[in-house]
Amino acid sequence: MKEMLITAALVFMAAGCTVGQPKIKYGADECAHCRMNVVDAKFAAAIQTTKGRDYVFDAPECMVPFTGRNGHLVKEEVAHWYVTDFAHPGTLIDATKAFYLHAPALKSPMRGNVAAFATDADRQAAKKLFPGDDLDWQGVQKLFTDE
């Protein structure tokens, strides 16, 4: 009986350590960088650290400098980078693999005006409505870095 209790306790502890994709509570969560409420489900972003802590942001333009030279984290502390798929608001995707569009007409919360997409086809479709420049993850980091 004692072994069953120990096994059950270990299973529950292991389940508690499982790190899943961050959850963003739109209208309630505060951007870790600028302290605005995260309300726009087309632009939100999140970081998950190597220690399992989640940080949410109102847009990539707040997430990137949060890890810069003058930021709160160093990039080596980040386990996962997430951005919202502009074509599917509220859906987080891997920021390092996303396709980005930088266009003034996008009007993101902090006016960085960058949207992320899961596919290049979705980015190209949006580009017809929001003419701008294609970027990759490195380009987004360069655009918003303070280094």
C-alpha atoms as a PDB file:
ATOM      1  CA  MET A   1       0.000   0.000   0.000  1.00  0.00           C
ATOM      2  CA  LYS A   2       2.826   2.378   0.892  1.00  0.00           C
ATOM      3  CA  GLU A   3       4.450   1.782  -2.520  1.00  0.00           C
ATOM      4  CA  MET A   4       1.154   2.628  -4.274  1.00  0.00           C
ATOM      5  CA  LEU A   5       0.927   5.925  -2.408  1.00  0.00           C
ATOM      6  CA  ILE A   6       4.518   6.803  -3.243  1.00  0.00           C
ATOM      7  CA  THR A   7       3.962   5.921  -6.905  1.00  0.00           C
ATOM      8  CA  ALA A   8       0.778   7.991  -7.019  1.00  0.00           C
ATOM      9  CA  ALA A   9       2.564  10.944  -5.408  1.00  0.00           C
ATOM     10  CA  LEU A  10       5.398  10.716  -7.954  1.00  0.00           C
ATOM     11  CA  VAL A  11       2.917  10.607 -10.833  1.00  0.00           C
ATOM     12  CA  PHE A  12       1.111  13.713  -9.563  1.00  0.00           C
ATOM     13  CA  MET A  13       4.411  15.531  -8.998  1.00  0.00           C
ATOM     14  CA  ALA A  14       5.593  14.676 -12.512  1.00  0.00           C
ATOM     15  CA  ALA A  15       2.294  15.847 -13.981  1.00  0.00           C
ATOM     16  CA  GLY A  16       2.639  19.120 -12.098  1.00  0.00           C
ATOM     17  CA  CYS A  17       6.046  19.699 -13.683  1.00  0.00           C
ATOM     18  CA  THR A  18       4.780  19.282 -17.217  1.00  0.00           C
ATOM     19  CA  VAL A  19       5.149  22.550 -19.058  1.00  0.00           C
ATOM     20  CA  GLY A  20       2.511  23.270 -21.687  1.00  0.00           C
ATOM     21  CA  GLN A  21       1.960  26.155 -24.021  1.00  0.00           C
ATOM     22  CA  PRO A  22       1.272  29.421 -22.162  1.00  0.00           C
ATOM     23  CA  LYS A  23      -2.337  30.508 -21.751  1.00  0.00           C
ATOM     24  CA  ILE A  24      -3.123  34.177 -22.361  1.00  0.00           C
ATOM     25  CA  LYS A  25      -6.105  35.666 -20.552  1.00  0.00           C
ATOM     26  CA  TYR A  26      -7.057  38.476 -22.907  1.00  0.00           C
ATOM     27  CA  GLY A  27      -8.200  41.599 -21.094  1.00  0.00           C
ATOM     28  CA  ALA A  28      -6.795  40.353 -17.769  1.00  0.00           C
ATOM     29  CA  ASP A  29      -3.104  39.560 -18.357  1.00  0.00           C
ATOM     30  CA  GLU A  30      -0.626  42.403 -18.295  1.00  0.00           C
ATOM     31  CA  CYS A  31       2.260  42.700 -20.761  1.00  0.00           C
ATOM     32  CA  ALA A  32       5.475  41.824 -18.927  1.00  0.00           C
ATOM     33  CA  HIS A  33       7.339  44.568 -20.792  1.00  0.00           C
ATOM     34  CA  CYS A  34       5.072  47.621 -21.131  1.00  0.00           C
ATOM     35  CA  ARG A  35       2.427  46.743 -18.502  1.00  0.00           C
ATOM     36  CA  MET A  36      -0.530  47.335 -20.863  1.00  0.00           C
ATOM     37  CA  ASN A  37      -3.363  44.823 -20.697  1.00  0.00           C
ATOM     38  CA  VAL A  38      -3.053  42.166 -23.381  1.00  0.00           C
ATOM     39  CA  VAL A  39      -6.274  42.560 -25.353  1.00  0.00           C
ATOM     40  CA  ASP A  40      -5.607  42.028 -29.067  1.00  0.00           C
ATOM     41  CA  ALA A  41      -5.702  38.305 -29.888  1.00  0.00           C
ATOM     42  CA  LYS A  42      -4.071  38.966 -33.299  1.00  0.00           C
ATOM     43  CA  PHE A  43      -0.748  40.193 -31.880  1.00  0.00           C
ATOM     44  CA  ALA A  44      -0.117  38.693 -28.412  1.00  0.00           C
ATOM     45  CA  ALA A  45       3.117  36.847 -27.698  1.00  0.00           C
ATOM     46  CA  ALA A  46       4.612  34.772 -24.883  1.00  0.00           C
ATOM     47  CA  ILE A  47       7.871  33.400 -23.583  1.00  0.00           C
ATOM     48  CA  GLN A  48       8.390  30.264 -21.559  1.00  0.00           C
ATOM     49  CA  THR A  49      11.654  30.119 -19.621  1.00  0.00           C
ATOM     50  CA  THR A  50      13.900  27.135 -19.064  1.00  0.00           C
ATOM     51  CA  LYS A  51      12.543  27.094 -15.489  1.00  0.00           C
ATOM     52  CA  GLY A  52       8.944  26.890 -16.754  1.00  0.00           C
ATOM     53  CA  ARG A  53       7.867  30.473 -16.047  1.00  0.00           C
ATOM     54  CA  ASP A  54       5.534  32.133 -18.566  1.00  0.00           C
ATOM     55  CA  TYR A  55       5.649  35.795 -19.579  1.00  0.00           C
ATOM     56  CA  VAL A  56       2.963  37.275 -21.830  1.00  0.00           C
ATOM     57  CA  PHE A  57       3.230  40.320 -24.080  1.00  0.00           C
ATOM     58  CA  ASP A  58       0.840  42.425 -26.095  1.00  0.00           C
ATOM     59  CA  ALA A  59       2.982  42.022 -29.244  1.00  0.00           C
ATOM     60  CA  PRO A  60       6.391  40.861 -30.535  1.00  0.00           C
ATOM     61  CA  GLU A  61       7.695  44.427 -30.209  1.00  0.00           C
ATOM     62  CA  CYS A  62       7.457  44.016 -26.422  1.00  0.00           C
ATOM     63  CA  MET A  63       8.644  40.407 -26.270  1.00  0.00           C
ATOM     64  CA  VAL A  64      11.942  40.916 -28.116  1.00  0.00           C
ATOM     65  CA  PRO A  65      13.335  43.800 -26.012  1.00  0.00           C
ATOM     66  CA  PHE A  66      12.292  41.964 -22.829  1.00  0.00           C
ATOM     67  CA  THR A  67      15.217  39.638 -23.557  1.00  0.00           C
ATOM     68  CA  GLY A  68      17.622  42.250 -24.875  1.00  0.00           C
ATOM     69  CA  ARG A  69      20.671  43.839 -23.297  1.00  0.00           C
ATOM     70  CA  ASN A  70      18.511  46.029 -21.055  1.00  0.00           C
ATOM     71  CA  GLY A  71      15.730  43.480 -20.671  1.00  0.00           C
ATOM     72  CA  HIS A  72      14.625  41.273 -17.804  1.00  0.00           C
ATOM     73  CA  LEU A  73      15.839  37.970 -19.269  1.00  0.00           C
ATOM     74  CA  VAL A  74      18.803  36.864 -21.300  1.00  0.00           C
ATOM     75  CA  LYS A  75      17.969  34.884 -24.427  1.00  0.00           C
ATOM     76  CA  GLU A  76      19.612  31.766 -22.992  1.00  0.00           C
ATOM     77  CA  GLU A  77      16.891  31.664 -20.320  1.00  0.00           C
ATOM     78  CA  VAL A  78      14.148  31.324 -22.959  1.00  0.00           C
ATOM     79  CA  ALA A  79      13.023  27.776 -23.691  1.00  0.00           C
ATOM     80  CA  HIS A  80      10.160  28.679 -26.060  1.00  0.00           C
ATOM     81  CA  TRP A  81       9.116  31.791 -27.967  1.00  0.00           C
ATOM     82  CA  TYR A  82       5.471  32.106 -29.032  1.00  0.00           C
ATOM     83  CA  VAL A  83       3.590  34.576 -31.205  1.00  0.00           C
ATOM     84  CA  THR A  84      -0.054  34.706 -32.191  1.00  0.00           C
ATOM     85  CA  ASP A  85      -0.996  33.557 -35.675  1.00  0.00           C
ATOM     86  CA  PHE A  86      -2.564  36.721 -37.130  1.00  0.00           C
ATOM     87  CA  ALA A  87      -4.703  34.594 -39.470  1.00  0.00           C
ATOM     88  CA  HIS A  88      -6.060  32.629 -36.475  1.00  0.00           C
ATOM     89  CA  PRO A  89      -6.369  35.067 -33.544  1.00  0.00           C
ATOM     90  CA  GLY A  90      -5.665  33.549 -30.151  1.00  0.00           C
ATOM     91  CA  THR A  91      -3.621  30.666 -31.583  1.00  0.00           C
ATOM     92  CA  LEU A  92       0.001  30.625 -30.433  1.00  0.00           C
ATOM     93  CA  ILE A  93       2.691  29.341 -32.790  1.00  0.00           C
ATOM     94  CA  ASP A  94       6.457  28.884 -32.526  1.00  0.00           C
ATOM     95  CA  ALA A  95       7.950  32.353 -33.024  1.00  0.00           C
ATOM     96  CA  THR A  96      11.208  30.971 -34.387  1.00  0.00           C
ATOM     97  CA  LYS A  97       9.399  29.236 -37.273  1.00  0.00           C
ATOM     98  CA  ALA A  98       6.708  31.834 -38.010  1.00  0.00           C
ATOM     99  CA  PHE A  99       6.426  33.970 -41.135  1.00  0.00           C
ATOM    100  CA  TYR A 100       6.266  37.700 -40.387  1.00  0.00           C
ATOM    101  CA  LEU A 101       4.871  40.745 -42.122  1.00  0.00           C
ATOM    102  CA  HIS A 102       5.964  44.283 -41.190  1.00  0.00           C
ATOM    103  CA  ALA A 103       3.420  46.797 -42.476  1.00  0.00           C
ATOM    104  CA  PRO A 104       2.364  50.203 -41.133  1.00  0.00           C
ATOM    105  CA  ALA A 105      -1.315  49.431 -41.751  1.00  0.00           C
ATOM    106  CA  LEU A 106      -1.255  46.510 -39.292  1.00  0.00           C
ATOM    107  CA  LYS A 107      -1.414  48.864 -36.287  1.00  0.00           C
ATOM    108  CA  SER A 108      -0.238  46.487 -33.569  1.00  0.00           C
ATOM    109  CA  PRO A 109      -0.682  47.530 -29.907  1.00  0.00           C
ATOM    110  CA  MET A 110       2.725  49.230 -29.486  1.00  0.00           C
ATOM    111  CA  ARG A 111       2.912  50.246 -33.159  1.00  0.00           C
ATOM    112  CA  GLY A 112       5.687  47.847 -34.096  1.00  0.00           C
ATOM    113  CA  ASN A 113       3.262  46.780 -36.828  1.00  0.00           C
ATOM    114  CA  VAL A 114       4.484  43.205 -37.180  1.00  0.00           C
ATOM    115  CA  ALA A 115       2.139  40.257 -37.581  1.00  0.00           C
ATOM    116  CA  ALA A 116       3.068  36.564 -37.431  1.00  0.00           C
ATOM    117  CA  PHE A 117       1.676  33.741 -39.542  1.00  0.00           C
ATOM    118  CA  ALA A 118       1.919  29.959 -39.378  1.00  0.00           C
ATOM    119  CA  THR A 119       2.245  29.721 -43.167  1.00  0.00           C
ATOM    120  CA  ASP A 120       3.745  31.830 -45.921  1.00  0.00           C
ATOM    121  CA  ALA A 121       0.453  31.490 -47.843  1.00  0.00           C
ATOM    122  CA  ASP A 122      -1.411  33.228 -44.995  1.00  0.00           C
ATOM    123  CA  ARG A 123       1.259  35.937 -44.888  1.00  0.00           C
ATOM    124  CA  GLN A 124       1.003  36.536 -48.632  1.00  0.00           C
ATOM    125  CA  ALA A 125      -2.802  36.733 -48.421  1.00  0.00           C
ATOM    126  CA  ALA A 126      -2.532  39.331 -45.633  1.00  0.00           C
ATOM    127  CA  LYS A 127       0.085  41.232 -47.605  1.00  0.00           C
ATOM    128  CA  LYS A 128      -2.580  42.028 -50.208  1.00  0.00           C
ATOM    129  CA  LEU A 129      -4.501  43.939 -47.522  1.00  0.00           C
ATOM    130  CA  PHE A 130      -1.456  45.185 -45.599  1.00  0.00           C
ATOM    131  CA  PRO A 131       1.385  45.922 -48.043  1.00  0.00           C
ATOM    132  CA  GLY A 132       4.737  45.597 -46.338  1.00  0.00           C
ATOM    133  CA  ASP A 133       7.934  43.648 -45.908  1.00  0.00           C
ATOM    134  CA  ASP A 134       8.415  39.938 -45.296  1.00  0.00           C
ATOM    135  CA  LEU A 135      10.550  39.088 -42.257  1.00  0.00           C
ATOM    136  CA  ASP A 136      11.808  35.965 -40.551  1.00  0.00           C
ATOM    137  CA  TRP A 137      12.497  35.524 -36.814  1.00  0.00           C
ATOM    138  CA  GLN A 138      15.990  36.992 -37.123  1.00  0.00           C
ATOM    139  CA  GLY A 139      14.566  40.021 -38.916  1.00  0.00           C
ATOM    140  CA  VAL A 140      11.988  40.573 -36.177  1.00  0.00           C
ATOM    141  CA  GLN A 141      14.668  40.340 -33.523  1.00  0.00           C
ATOM    142  CA  LYS A 142      16.840  42.822 -35.391  1.00  0.00           C
ATOM    143  CA  LEU A 143      13.898  45.201 -35.843  1.00  0.00           C
ATOM    144  CA  PHE A 144      13.068  45.298 -32.129  1.00  0.00           C
ATOM    145  CA  THR A 145      16.379  44.642 -30.433  1.00  0.00           C
ATOM    146  CA  ASP A 146      18.076  47.142 -28.181  1.00  0.00           C
ATOM    147  CA  GLU A 147      21.514  45.676 -28.812  1.00  0.00           C
END
